[in-house]
Every structure is written in C-alpha cells, then in structure tokens.
Amino acid sequence: MILSMTGYGKKTAYINNKKISVEIKTLNSKNLNLQVKIPESYNSKDLEIRDLLARELKGGKISFILSVENNNTGEINLDKEKISAYCKVLSEIAEENNLNPENQNILQAVLSLPDIVKSRDEEENSDEWQEIVDLITETIKEVNKFRLQEGKSLEKDISENIEQIEKLIPEIEKYEKERTETVKERLKLKLNEFLEGDKQNKDRFEQEIIYFLDKFDINEEKIRLKNHCRYFTETMQQNEIAGNKLGFIAQEIGREINTLGSKANHAEIQKIVVNMKNYLGKVKEQSLNVL
C-alpha cells in the first residue's frame, strides 16, 4: 500500500493551564523540506522536533506549527536574589556620589533592568515537554492516516492507467500480420534494387537487411513491457516507501513504449503507442505524489 505525500493533522491539548496546538501539513516535494515554526521559548527543542518529523514522516514538504496560549495571565516569577544584588549595587553607587535617592526610586530602576521579571511559561518543565512531544506524535499519526487514505485513491488511479497500458499490448497483435507484409515488401524492394545492378554493394545490402530485421522484431519489447507493468503493480502493493522506485520503473515502461513506436512501421500501431504514452504520462504525474 502506497502513501501520499499530501497529509494534514491538527491536535490541541491543555497542559499546565496552557492551550497547546500542533498543526502539520505535508505536500509533494522531491526532497525532505522541513519548515518549523515554534514559540521562542521552545527554540532549544527545534532540532528534536525536526528529527522526530524526519523520522516519522520520511519525506515531502512538511510545515510544522506549535502554538501556545498561556492562561496564567499576570502570573510572573521575580528573581529576588538578582533584585537584591541590583539594589545593593545601585545604593552603593548613589551613596558614593552623594545622590541619596529614596529606596522606591532604586526599586523602580531595578525592575526596569533585564532578566528581573520572567514569565513562568518560560521556565523549562521536562514533564510538560514530554506531554507536548506526545501531542506532536499523535498529530503525526493523524497525518499518516490522512496520507494512507490519499494513497489508496492514488493507487486506484495509477493502477487503472497501468491496466490500460497492459490492455493495449494485445491490440498491437491485431496489426502484426499487416505489419509483417509491409516489412516484407520493403525487403523485396531492397532485394530488387540489389539484383538490378550496382546501385548498392553487397556490404551495404547486408547492413540494410540486418537493420530491417532488427526493426521488425518487437516481441522482446512487448514481453518487457508486460513485465515492467506487472512489477510496477507489485511494488505499489508492498508496504514500503516506494515513490522513487515507482519513478524508475515508469522510466523503463516509457523506454519500451518508445522502442515499440520507433519499430512500428504501421499507422495503427503508432496510434496505440500514443495512447500508451498518454496513460503513462498520467502514471508519472500521479507517482510524483507517492511517498
């Protein structure tokens, strides 16, 4: 069963009186492309989040958003030791310079200094972070569930196009006899030209015969085309990341179809080849979204 690169998931939970939301979107991309947006207070967790996303989602363009709404309105944590140290230093400076400020003015000055007031949500909490990781993991599962559903639709569409290519192979055989007669006539013309005189030397004539014989036989191409189509279908049914592999098999299918076209020497067979290319084009386009 194949997976689509397209997926979506969103989960929300209340942790330590905070509303935590995780949203993940995945889209088609040739290479893994991670876009992570998190609050500044969680910057130290950026690499951990990226590793988790890459490990579980494998590939595609991945957009990750972690948002936090803190319900601890107005709840702050004062660093009392730091405040005391600032007050002492400022008082000493004021006394040395005969400024004699009131204690209230010193306190106001201290409270305006950095690192004095710190929101509680900025304090790292290992238990809280583990709950957030669990929430991210649940969101990833939702994305993969979405990808699986999309993969089923993709597999259905791709399989139908591969089947159409396979069904067209026997259609070629309807024109094999007529095609054979056409090639025979061309060989007869070449033979007559050779027998008529010195228009072509013997070596050149042998080269022409070999060329036409080579152009005549298309059985190997038909057999390989059938095998490639069968292998493509088998690969889709395997539980693996198959996108690149399917792309390579599609290239091989295209190579056999092109060779059939170059050897056709028949208008109706050329039309069949064009239809095969049309179905293969759809297969290639859809395969780009396979993980």
Foldseek 3Di string as FASTA:
>chain_A
DFFFQFFWFKDWDQDPQKIKIKIKTFFFDPFAAEAEAEDPLCVVCVVVLVVVCCVLSVGGHMYMYIDMDHPPPPDKDFPVVQLVVQLVVVVVVCVVVVVPDDSVVSSVVSVVDPPGIDHPVSDDDPVRVVVVVVRVVVRSVRGRVRRVVVLVVLLVLLLVLLVLLLVLLVVLVVCLVVQVVVLVVVLVVLVVVVVVDVPDDPVVSVVVVVVSVVLSDLVVLSVVLVVLSVVLNVQSPDPDQCLVVNLVSLVVNLVSLVSCCVSVSDPVSVVSSVSSVVSSVVNNVSSSRTD
